[in-house]
N, C-alpha and C. Protein backbone atom coordinates (compact mmCIF):
# COMPACT_ATOMS: atom_id res chain seq x y z
N MET A 1 56.00 76.75 73.19
CA MET A 1 56.73 77.94 72.79
C MET A 1 57.49 77.65 71.52
N LYS A 2 57.74 78.69 70.80
CA LYS A 2 58.46 78.52 69.54
C LYS A 2 59.95 78.41 69.80
N PRO A 3 60.65 77.51 69.13
CA PRO A 3 62.07 77.29 69.39
C PRO A 3 62.93 78.52 69.09
N TRP A 4 62.59 79.31 68.12
CA TRP A 4 63.42 80.48 67.80
C TRP A 4 63.30 81.55 68.88
N LEU A 5 62.12 81.62 69.51
CA LEU A 5 61.94 82.58 70.61
C LEU A 5 62.76 82.15 71.83
N VAL A 6 62.78 80.85 72.10
CA VAL A 6 63.59 80.33 73.21
C VAL A 6 65.07 80.56 72.91
N ALA A 7 65.47 80.37 71.65
CA ALA A 7 66.87 80.55 71.26
C ALA A 7 67.29 82.02 71.43
N LEU A 8 66.41 82.95 71.18
CA LEU A 8 66.74 84.36 71.34
C LEU A 8 66.65 84.81 72.81
N ALA A 9 65.73 84.26 73.56
CA ALA A 9 65.52 84.69 74.94
C ALA A 9 66.56 84.12 75.90
N THR A 10 67.06 82.92 75.62
CA THR A 10 68.01 82.27 76.53
C THR A 10 69.30 83.08 76.70
N PRO A 11 69.99 83.51 75.62
CA PRO A 11 71.21 84.30 75.85
C PRO A 11 70.93 85.63 76.56
N ALA A 12 69.78 86.24 76.27
CA ALA A 12 69.45 87.51 76.94
C ALA A 12 69.23 87.29 78.43
N LEU A 13 68.57 86.21 78.79
CA LEU A 13 68.34 85.91 80.20
C LEU A 13 69.63 85.56 80.92
N LEU A 14 70.50 84.80 80.26
CA LEU A 14 71.77 84.43 80.88
C LEU A 14 72.68 85.65 81.05
N ALA A 15 72.66 86.57 80.11
CA ALA A 15 73.48 87.77 80.21
C ALA A 15 72.97 88.66 81.35
N ALA A 16 71.69 88.67 81.59
CA ALA A 16 71.12 89.48 82.66
C ALA A 16 71.45 88.91 84.03
N CYS A 17 71.73 87.62 84.12
CA CYS A 17 72.00 86.99 85.40
C CYS A 17 73.47 87.07 85.81
N ASN A 18 74.37 87.48 84.94
CA ASN A 18 75.79 87.55 85.28
C ASN A 18 76.04 88.74 86.21
N PRO A 19 76.64 88.50 87.36
CA PRO A 19 76.93 89.62 88.25
C PRO A 19 78.11 90.44 87.71
N THR A 20 78.07 91.72 87.99
CA THR A 20 79.14 92.61 87.56
C THR A 20 79.89 93.08 88.79
N VAL A 21 81.20 92.85 88.81
CA VAL A 21 82.04 93.28 89.92
C VAL A 21 83.07 94.25 89.35
N LYS A 22 83.09 95.46 89.91
CA LYS A 22 84.05 96.45 89.45
C LYS A 22 85.06 96.69 90.57
N ILE A 23 86.32 96.62 90.22
CA ILE A 23 87.39 96.93 91.17
C ILE A 23 87.99 98.26 90.76
N GLN A 24 87.91 99.20 91.68
CA GLN A 24 88.36 100.55 91.37
C GLN A 24 89.14 101.10 92.56
N ALA A 25 90.23 101.77 92.27
CA ALA A 25 91.03 102.38 93.34
C ALA A 25 90.26 103.55 93.94
N PRO A 26 90.39 103.79 95.25
CA PRO A 26 89.69 104.91 95.86
C PRO A 26 90.28 106.25 95.40
N ASP A 27 89.46 107.29 95.49
CA ASP A 27 89.91 108.62 95.08
C ASP A 27 90.94 109.17 96.05
N LYS A 28 90.72 108.94 97.34
CA LYS A 28 91.62 109.45 98.38
C LYS A 28 92.46 108.29 98.92
N PRO A 29 93.66 108.56 99.40
CA PRO A 29 94.45 107.48 100.01
C PRO A 29 93.83 107.03 101.32
N ILE A 30 94.06 105.81 101.68
CA ILE A 30 93.55 105.27 102.93
C ILE A 30 94.44 105.78 104.06
N GLU A 31 93.81 106.34 105.09
CA GLU A 31 94.56 106.90 106.21
C GLU A 31 94.29 106.07 107.45
N ILE A 32 95.36 105.62 108.10
CA ILE A 32 95.24 104.84 109.32
C ILE A 32 95.82 105.68 110.45
N ASN A 33 95.02 105.95 111.46
CA ASN A 33 95.43 106.80 112.56
C ASN A 33 96.00 105.94 113.68
N LEU A 34 97.28 106.12 113.99
CA LEU A 34 97.94 105.33 115.03
C LEU A 34 98.25 106.14 116.27
N ASN A 35 97.64 107.30 116.43
CA ASN A 35 97.94 108.16 117.56
C ASN A 35 97.58 107.52 118.89
N VAL A 36 96.59 106.65 118.93
CA VAL A 36 96.16 106.04 120.18
C VAL A 36 97.27 105.17 120.75
N HIS A 37 97.90 104.39 119.91
CA HIS A 37 98.98 103.51 120.37
C HIS A 37 100.14 104.33 120.90
N ILE A 38 100.53 105.36 120.22
CA ILE A 38 101.65 106.21 120.64
C ILE A 38 101.31 106.88 121.96
N ASP A 39 100.10 107.37 122.10
CA ASP A 39 99.68 108.04 123.33
C ASP A 39 99.75 107.08 124.51
N GLN A 40 99.30 105.86 124.34
CA GLN A 40 99.32 104.88 125.41
C GLN A 40 100.76 104.53 125.78
N GLU A 41 101.62 104.41 124.80
CA GLU A 41 103.01 104.07 125.07
C GLU A 41 103.68 105.18 125.87
N VAL A 42 103.42 106.44 125.52
CA VAL A 42 104.00 107.57 126.25
C VAL A 42 103.49 107.58 127.68
N ARG A 43 102.21 107.33 127.88
CA ARG A 43 101.65 107.33 129.23
C ARG A 43 102.27 106.23 130.09
N ILE A 44 102.50 105.07 129.53
CA ILE A 44 103.10 103.96 130.27
C ILE A 44 104.53 104.33 130.68
N LYS A 45 105.29 104.93 129.74
CA LYS A 45 106.67 105.30 130.06
C LYS A 45 106.71 106.36 131.15
N VAL A 46 105.85 107.37 131.06
CA VAL A 46 105.82 108.42 132.08
C VAL A 46 105.39 107.84 133.41
N ASP A 47 104.41 106.94 133.41
CA ASP A 47 103.94 106.32 134.64
C ASP A 47 105.06 105.52 135.30
N ASN A 48 105.81 104.76 134.50
CA ASN A 48 106.93 103.99 135.05
C ASN A 48 108.01 104.90 135.61
N GLU A 49 108.29 105.99 134.91
CA GLU A 49 109.30 106.93 135.40
C GLU A 49 108.86 107.60 136.70
N LEU A 50 107.57 107.91 136.81
CA LEU A 50 107.07 108.50 138.06
C LEU A 50 107.15 107.51 139.22
N ASN A 51 106.81 106.26 138.97
CA ASN A 51 106.91 105.25 140.02
C ASN A 51 108.35 105.10 140.50
N THR A 52 109.29 105.14 139.56
CA THR A 52 110.70 105.06 139.93
C THR A 52 111.11 106.27 140.75
N ALA A 53 110.66 107.46 140.35
CA ALA A 53 110.99 108.68 141.10
C ALA A 53 110.38 108.63 142.50
N PHE A 54 109.15 108.15 142.63
CA PHE A 54 108.52 108.02 143.95
C PHE A 54 109.33 107.09 144.85
N LYS A 55 109.79 105.98 144.29
CA LYS A 55 110.54 105.00 145.09
C LYS A 55 111.93 105.51 145.45
N ASP A 56 112.58 106.22 144.52
CA ASP A 56 113.93 106.69 144.77
C ASP A 56 113.98 107.89 145.72
N HIS A 57 112.98 108.77 145.64
CA HIS A 57 112.99 110.00 146.44
C HIS A 57 111.62 110.24 147.08
N PRO A 58 111.20 109.42 148.03
CA PRO A 58 109.86 109.58 148.61
C PRO A 58 109.72 110.88 149.40
N GLU A 59 110.82 111.40 149.90
CA GLU A 59 110.73 112.63 150.70
C GLU A 59 110.33 113.84 149.85
N LEU A 60 110.57 113.80 148.55
CA LEU A 60 110.24 114.92 147.67
C LEU A 60 108.74 114.99 147.35
N PHE A 61 108.06 113.87 147.46
CA PHE A 61 106.67 113.80 147.00
C PHE A 61 105.66 113.71 148.13
N GLY A 62 106.08 113.79 149.36
CA GLY A 62 105.15 113.78 150.47
C GLY A 62 104.49 112.43 150.66
N PRO A 63 103.23 112.41 151.13
CA PRO A 63 102.54 111.14 151.40
C PRO A 63 102.41 110.24 150.17
N ALA A 64 102.22 110.83 149.00
CA ALA A 64 102.07 110.00 147.79
C ALA A 64 103.36 109.24 147.51
N GLY A 65 104.50 109.89 147.72
CA GLY A 65 105.78 109.23 147.49
C GLY A 65 106.04 108.15 148.51
N GLU A 66 105.64 108.37 149.74
CA GLU A 66 105.85 107.38 150.78
C GLU A 66 104.99 106.15 150.55
N GLN A 67 103.78 106.35 150.05
CA GLN A 67 102.90 105.21 149.78
C GLN A 67 103.45 104.40 148.60
N ALA A 68 103.97 105.07 147.58
CA ALA A 68 104.48 104.38 146.41
C ALA A 68 105.76 103.60 146.76
N SER A 69 106.55 104.14 147.71
CA SER A 69 107.80 103.47 148.06
C SER A 69 107.57 102.33 149.05
N GLY A 70 106.41 102.23 149.63
CA GLY A 70 106.10 101.16 150.56
C GLY A 70 106.35 101.53 152.01
N LYS A 71 106.81 102.75 152.25
CA LYS A 71 107.04 103.21 153.61
C LYS A 71 105.74 103.74 154.20
N PRO A 72 105.50 103.54 155.49
CA PRO A 72 104.25 104.05 156.08
C PRO A 72 104.26 105.57 156.14
N ALA A 73 103.10 106.17 155.91
CA ALA A 73 102.96 107.63 155.98
C ALA A 73 102.97 108.07 157.44
N GLN A 74 103.58 109.22 157.70
CA GLN A 74 103.69 109.73 159.08
C GLN A 74 102.61 110.71 159.37
């Protein structure tokens, strides 16, 4: 091969092999939905409050309250 052709082809080949990485901000803001965590926390609090109510006043809730309080159902 001719040396001048190699001299011209080498930079062109090396330039073609360089990867291009573009960093660009997204058009829309990133949205993270945390409703699942809040929903679970509310359910746990309500569940704990119901268990306390069952134990404190089993007569108000019938058989379900008696079972939660540990007393045998009649």
